[in-house]
PDB file of N, CA and C in Angstrom:
ATOM      1  N   UNK A   1       0.814  -1.209   0.000  1.00  0.00           N
ATOM      2  CA  UNK A   1       0.000   0.000   0.000  1.00  0.00           C
ATOM      3  C   UNK A   1       0.853   1.267   0.000  1.00  0.00           C
ATOM      4  N   UNK A   2       0.188   2.390  -0.116  1.00  0.00           N
ATOM      5  CA  UNK A   2       0.886   3.676  -0.135  1.00  0.00           C
ATOM      6  C   UNK A   2       1.362   4.041   1.269  1.00  0.00           C
ATOM      7  N   UNK A   3       0.518   3.823   2.266  1.00  0.00           N
ATOM      8  CA  UNK A   3       0.890   4.148   3.641  1.00  0.00           C
ATOM      9  C   UNK A   3       1.359   2.892   4.366  1.00  0.00           C
ATOM     10  N   UNK A   4       1.973   3.062   5.527  1.00  0.00           N
ATOM     11  CA  UNK A   4       2.380   1.917   6.336  1.00  0.00           C
ATOM     12  C   UNK A   4       3.856   1.605   6.203  1.00  0.00           C
ATOM     13  N   UNK A   5       4.197   0.337   6.010  1.00  0.00           N
ATOM     14  CA  UNK A   5       5.592  -0.099   5.992  1.00  0.00           C
ATOM     15  C   UNK A   5       6.349   0.447   4.790  1.00  0.00           C
ATOM     16  N   UNK A   6       5.643   0.700   3.696  1.00  0.00           N
ATOM     17  CA  UNK A   6       6.305   1.182   2.480  1.00  0.00           C
ATOM     18  C   UNK A   6       6.220   2.704   2.386  1.00  0.00           C
ATOM     19  N   UNK A   7       7.327   3.420   2.651  1.00  0.00           N
ATOM     20  CA  UNK A   7       7.303   4.877   2.525  1.00  0.00           C
ATOM     21  C   UNK A   7       7.359   5.293   1.060  1.00  0.00           C
ATOM     22  N   UNK A   8       6.720   6.400   0.735  1.00  0.00           N
ATOM     23  CA  UNK A   8       6.694   6.872  -0.646  1.00  0.00           C
ATOM     24  C   UNK A   8       8.036   7.404  -1.097  1.00  0.00           C
ATOM     25  N   UNK A   9       8.165   7.793  -2.357  1.00  0.00           N
ATOM     26  CA  UNK A   9       9.419   8.336  -2.883  1.00  0.00           C
ATOM     27  C   UNK A   9       9.855   9.608  -2.157  1.00  0.00           C
ATOM     28  N   UNK A  10       8.861  10.358  -1.654  1.00  0.00           N
ATOM     29  CA  UNK A  10       9.182  11.598  -0.941  1.00  0.00           C
ATOM     30  C   UNK A  10      10.037  11.320   0.282  1.00  0.00           C
ATOM     31  N   UNK A  11       9.701  10.284   1.035  1.00  0.00           N
ATOM     32  CA  UNK A  11      10.446   9.938   2.245  1.00  0.00           C
ATOM     33  C   UNK A  11      11.877   9.552   1.898  1.00  0.00           C
ATOM     34  N   UNK A  12      12.035   8.785   0.833  1.00  0.00           N
ATOM     35  CA  UNK A  12      13.366   8.371   0.402  1.00  0.00           C
ATOM     36  C   UNK A  12      14.206   9.583   0.008  1.00  0.00           C
ATOM     37  N   UNK A  13      13.585  10.533  -0.668  1.00  0.00           N
ATOM     38  CA  UNK A  13      14.289  11.744  -1.104  1.00  0.00           C
ATOM     39  C   UNK A  13      14.832  12.522   0.083  1.00  0.00           C
ATOM     40  N   UNK A  14      13.982  12.725   1.095  1.00  0.00           N
ATOM     41  CA  UNK A  14      14.408  13.513   2.252  1.00  0.00           C
ATOM     42  C   UNK A  14      15.516  12.789   3.010  1.00  0.00           C
ATOM     43  N   UNK A  15      15.519  11.472   2.977  1.00  0.00           N
ATOM     44  CA  UNK A  15      16.582  10.709   3.640  1.00  0.00           C
ATOM     45  C   UNK A  15      17.915  10.867   2.913  1.00  0.00           C
ATOM     46  N   UNK A  16      17.861  10.961   1.597  1.00  0.00           N
ATOM     47  CA  UNK A  16      19.094  11.014   0.796  1.00  0.00           C
ATOM     48  C   UNK A  16      19.823  12.351   0.921  1.00  0.00           C
ATOM     49  N   UNK A  17      19.085  13.418   1.100  1.00  0.00           N
ATOM     50  CA  UNK A  17      19.712  14.748   1.104  1.00  0.00           C
ATOM     51  C   UNK A  17      20.839  14.859   2.145  1.00  0.00           C
ATOM     52  N   UNK A  18      20.599  14.565   3.435  1.00  0.00           N
ATOM     53  CA  UNK A  18      21.696  14.693   4.400  1.00  0.00           C
ATOM     54  C   UNK A  18      22.853  13.738   4.103  1.00  0.00           C
ATOM     55  N   UNK A  19      22.541  12.531   3.607  1.00  0.00           N
ATOM     56  CA  UNK A  19      23.594  11.569   3.278  1.00  0.00           C
ATOM     57  C   UNK A  19      24.514  12.110   2.197  1.00  0.00           C
ATOM     58  N   UNK A  20      23.921  12.646   1.147  1.00  0.00           N
ATOM     59  CA  UNK A  20      24.715  13.227   0.061  1.00  0.00           C
ATOM     60  C   UNK A  20      25.562  14.395   0.568  1.00  0.00           C
ATOM     61  N   UNK A  21      24.958  15.188   1.451  1.00  0.00           N
ATOM     62  CA  UNK A  21      25.696  16.329   1.991  1.00  0.00           C
ATOM     63  C   UNK A  21      26.890  15.852   2.799  1.00  0.00           C
ATOM     64  N   UNK A  22      26.687  14.815   3.621  1.00  0.00           N
ATOM     65  CA  UNK A  22      27.781  14.266   4.421  1.00  0.00           C
ATOM     66  C   UNK A  22      28.872  13.711   3.511  1.00  0.00           C
ATOM     67  N   UNK A  23      28.469  13.034   2.450  1.00  0.00           N
ATOM     68  CA  UNK A  23      29.441  12.480   1.497  1.00  0.00           C
ATOM     69  C   UNK A  23      30.276  13.582   0.877  1.00  0.00           C
ATOM     70  N   UNK A  24      29.593  14.664   0.446  1.00  0.00           N
ATOM     71  CA  UNK A  24      30.307  15.799  -0.155  1.00  0.00           C
ATOM     72  C   UNK A  24      31.301  16.384   0.839  1.00  0.00           C
ATOM     73  N   UNK A  25      30.863  16.495   2.103  1.00  0.00           N
ATOM     74  CA  UNK A  25      31.713  17.082   3.134  1.00  0.00           C
ATOM     75  C   UNK A  25      32.966  16.226   3.333  1.00  0.00           C
ATOM     76  N   UNK A  26      32.776  14.909   3.467  1.00  0.00           N
ATOM     77  CA  UNK A  26      33.916  14.023   3.708  1.00  0.00           C
ATOM     78  C   UNK A  26      34.843  13.971   2.505  1.00  0.00           C
ATOM     79  N   UNK A  27      34.269  13.948   1.293  1.00  0.00           N
ATOM     80  CA  UNK A  27      35.112  13.909   0.092  1.00  0.00           C
ATOM     81  C   UNK A  27      35.919  15.193  -0.033  1.00  0.00           C
ATOM     82  N   UNK A  28      35.312  16.326   0.390  1.00  0.00           N
ATOM     83  CA  UNK A  28      36.037  17.593   0.332  1.00  0.00           C
ATOM     84  C   UNK A  28      37.197  17.575   1.314  1.00  0.00           C
ATOM     85  N   UNK A  29      36.965  17.015   2.506  1.00  0.00           N
ATOM     86  CA  UNK A  29      38.032  16.918   3.507  1.00  0.00           C
ATOM     87  C   UNK A  29      39.135  16.009   2.973  1.00  0.00           C
ATOM     88  N   UNK A  30      38.729  14.881   2.368  1.00  0.00           N
ATOM     89  CA  UNK A  30      39.701  13.943   1.804  1.00  0.00           C
ATOM     90  C   UNK A  30      40.528  14.610   0.714  1.00  0.00           C
ATOM     91  N   UNK A  31      39.865  15.378  -0.145  1.00  0.00           N
ATOM     92  CA  UNK A  31      40.550  16.065  -1.234  1.00  0.00           C
ATOM     93  C   UNK A  31      41.572  17.059  -0.689  1.00  0.00           C
ATOM     94  N   UNK A  32      41.184  17.799   0.356  1.00  0.00           N
ATOM     95  CA  UNK A  32      42.105  18.770   0.966  1.00  0.00           C
ATOM     96  C   UNK A  32      43.314  18.052   1.530  1.00  0.00           C
ATOM     97  N   UNK A  33      43.069  16.930   2.230  1.00  0.00           N
ATOM     98  CA  UNK A  33      44.179  16.150   2.788  1.00  0.00           C
ATOM     99  C   UNK A  33      45.098  15.663   1.685  1.00  0.00           C
ATOM    100  N   UNK A  34      44.488  15.181   0.587  1.00  0.00           N
ATOM    101  CA  UNK A  34      45.269  14.665  -0.531  1.00  0.00           C
ATOM    102  C   UNK A  34      46.128  15.753  -1.151  1.00  0.00           C
ATOM    103  N   UNK A  35      45.526  16.938  -1.326  1.00  0.00           N
ATOM    104  CA  UNK A  35      46.272  18.048  -1.922  1.00  0.00           C
ATOM    105  C   UNK A  35      47.426  18.475  -1.028  1.00  0.00           C
ATOM    106  N   UNK A  36      47.199  18.492   0.286  1.00  0.00           N
ATOM    107  CA  UNK A  36      48.265  18.842   1.220  1.00  0.00           C
ATOM    108  C   UNK A  36      49.409  17.836   1.114  1.00  0.00           C
ATOM    109  N   UNK A  37      49.046  16.553   1.045  1.00  0.00           N
ATOM    110  CA  UNK A  37      50.033  15.484   0.907  1.00  0.00           C
ATOM    111  C   UNK A  37      50.814  15.657  -0.396  1.00  0.00           C
ATOM    112  N   UNK A  38      50.082  16.002  -1.457  1.00  0.00           N
ATOM    113  CA  UNK A  38      50.690  16.193  -2.773  1.00  0.00           C
ATOM    114  C   UNK A  38      51.709  17.327  -2.735  1.00  0.00           C
ATOM    115  N   UNK A  39      51.368  18.434  -2.071  1.00  0.00           N
ATOM    116  CA  UNK A  39      52.274  19.572  -1.969  1.00  0.00           C
ATOM    117  C   UNK A  39      53.562  19.174  -1.271  1.00  0.00           C
ATOM    118  N   UNK A  40      53.455  18.367  -0.222  1.00  0.00           N
ATOM    119  CA  UNK A  40      54.637  17.893   0.508  1.00  0.00           C
ATOM    120  C   UNK A  40      55.499  17.052  -0.424  1.00  0.00           C
ATOM    121  N   UNK A  41      54.858  16.157  -1.186  1.00  0.00           N
ATOM    122  CA  UNK A  41      55.593  15.297  -2.115  1.00  0.00           C
ATOM    123  C   UNK A  41      56.278  16.127  -3.194  1.00  0.00           C
ATOM    124  N   UNK A  42      55.573  17.133  -3.697  1.00  0.00           N
ATOM    125  CA  UNK A  42      56.138  18.003  -4.741  1.00  0.00           C
ATOM    126  C   UNK A  42      57.436  18.646  -4.257  1.00  0.00           C
ATOM    127  N   UNK A  43      57.411  19.143  -3.027  1.00  0.00           N
ATOM    128  CA  UNK A  43      58.607  19.764  -2.460  1.00  0.00           C
ATOM    129  C   UNK A  43      59.738  18.737  -2.356  1.00  0.00           C
ATOM    130  N   UNK A  44      59.378  17.510  -1.977  1.00  0.00           N
ATOM    131  CA  UNK A  44      60.371  16.450  -1.843  1.00  0.00           C
ATOM    132  C   UNK A  44      60.966  16.105  -3.209  1.00  0.00           C
ATOM    133  N   UNK A  45      60.107  16.051  -4.236  1.00  0.00           N
ATOM    134  CA  UNK A  45      60.576  15.721  -5.580  1.00  0.00           C
ATOM    135  C   UNK A  45      61.491  16.799  -6.141  1.00  0.00           C
ATOM    136  N   UNK A  46      61.257  18.029  -5.739  1.00  0.00           N
ATOM    137  CA  UNK A  46      62.094  19.128  -6.209  1.00  0.00           C
ATOM    138  C   UNK A  46      63.556  18.892  -5.825  1.00  0.00           C
ATOM    139  N   UNK A  47      63.767  18.189  -4.712  1.00  0.00           N
ATOM    140  CA  UNK A  47      65.130  17.889  -4.252  1.00  0.00           C
ATOM    141  C   UNK A  47      65.808  16.921  -5.216  1.00  0.00           C
ATOM    142  N   UNK A  48      65.087  15.870  -5.623  1.00  0.00           N
ATOM    143  CA  UNK A  48      65.664  14.907  -6.572  1.00  0.00           C
ATOM    144  C   UNK A  48      64.914  15.022  -7.896  1.00  0.00           C
ATOM    145  N   UNK A  49      65.434  15.870  -8.773  1.00  0.00           N
ATOM    146  CA  UNK A  49      64.749  16.181 -10.030  1.00  0.00           C
ATOM    147  C   UNK A  49      64.603  14.956 -10.931  1.00  0.00           C
ATOM    148  N   UNK A  50      65.545  14.019 -10.856  1.00  0.00           N
ATOM    149  CA  UNK A  50      65.464  12.829 -11.698  1.00  0.00           C
ATOM    150  C   UNK A  50      64.225  12.002 -11.340  1.00  0.00           C
ATOM    151  N   UNK A  51      63.952  11.858 -10.050  1.00  0.00           N
ATOM    152  CA  UNK A  51      62.764  11.120  -9.604  1.00  0.00           C
ATOM    153  C   UNK A  51      61.499  11.856 -10.043  1.00  0.00           C
ATOM    154  N   UNK A  52      61.516  13.178  -9.930  1.00  0.00           N
ATOM    155  CA  UNK A  52      60.367  13.983 -10.331  1.00  0.00           C
ATOM    156  C   UNK A  52      60.092  13.815 -11.823  1.00  0.00           C
ATOM    157  N   UNK A  53      61.158  13.786 -12.619  1.00  0.00           N
ATOM    158  CA  UNK A  53      60.996  13.669 -14.065  1.00  0.00           C
ATOM    159  C   UNK A  53      60.379  12.323 -14.438  1.00  0.00           C
ATOM    160  N   UNK A  54      60.864  11.249 -13.832  1.00  0.00           N
ATOM    161  CA  UNK A  54      60.323   9.927 -14.145  1.00  0.00           C
ATOM    162  C   UNK A  54      58.863   9.839 -13.722  1.00  0.00           C
ATOM    163  N   UNK A  55      58.538  10.400 -12.569  1.00  0.00           N
ATOM    164  CA  UNK A  55      57.156  10.342 -12.094  1.00  0.00           C
ATOM    165  C   UNK A  55      56.228  11.151 -12.998  1.00  0.00           C
ATOM    166  N   UNK A  56      56.692  12.294 -13.464  1.00  0.00           N
ATOM    167  CA  UNK A  56      55.870  13.138 -14.334  1.00  0.00           C
ATOM    168  C   UNK A  56      55.577  12.420 -15.651  1.00  0.00           C
ATOM    169  N   UNK A  57      56.566  11.780 -16.230  1.00  0.00           N
ATOM    170  CA  UNK A  57      56.348  11.061 -17.483  1.00  0.00           C
ATOM    171  C   UNK A  57      55.377   9.908 -17.262  1.00  0.00           C
ATOM    172  N   UNK A  58      55.490   9.229 -16.121  1.00  0.00           N
ATOM    173  CA  UNK A  58      54.559   8.146 -15.792  1.00  0.00           C
ATOM    174  C   UNK A  58      53.139   8.685 -15.716  1.00  0.00           C
ATOM    175  N   UNK A  59      52.971   9.809 -15.029  1.00  0.00           N
ATOM    176  CA  UNK A  59      51.646  10.408 -14.865  1.00  0.00           C
ATOM    177  C   UNK A  59      51.072  10.833 -16.211  1.00  0.00           C
ATOM    178  N   UNK A  60      51.910  11.387 -17.087  1.00  0.00           N
ATOM    179  CA  UNK A  60      51.443  11.851 -18.388  1.00  0.00           C
ATOM    180  C   UNK A  60      51.050  10.675 -19.281  1.00  0.00           C
ATOM    181  N   UNK A  61      51.851   9.609 -19.260  1.00  0.00           N
ATOM    182  CA  UNK A  61      51.541   8.448 -20.099  1.00  0.00           C
ATOM    183  C   UNK A  61      50.299   7.715 -19.604  1.00  0.00           C
ATOM    184  N   UNK A  62      50.030   7.829 -18.277  1.00  0.00           N
ATOM    185  CA  UNK A  62      48.865   7.161 -17.703  1.00  0.00           C
ATOM    186  C   UNK A  62      47.561   7.815 -18.150  1.00  0.00           C
ATOM    187  N   UNK A  63      47.617   9.092 -18.470  1.00  0.00           N
ATOM    188  CA  UNK A  63      46.391   9.817 -18.857  1.00  0.00           C
ATOM    189  C   UNK A  63      45.849   9.345 -20.202  1.00  0.00           C
TER     190      UNK A  63
END
């Protein structure tokens, strides 16, 4: 039936909104952490340019 144990599509929609928002929030935090980590690695690679060069070519060929 429409009422009772089976909630309508409206109920499902309202449930999804906070979940999606939480997902966006966590993914944004993860992205920030990743970028910070990347910046640290970039500085490290600057010290050994040969390693940086090989990694860059790997990244470019992977695309």
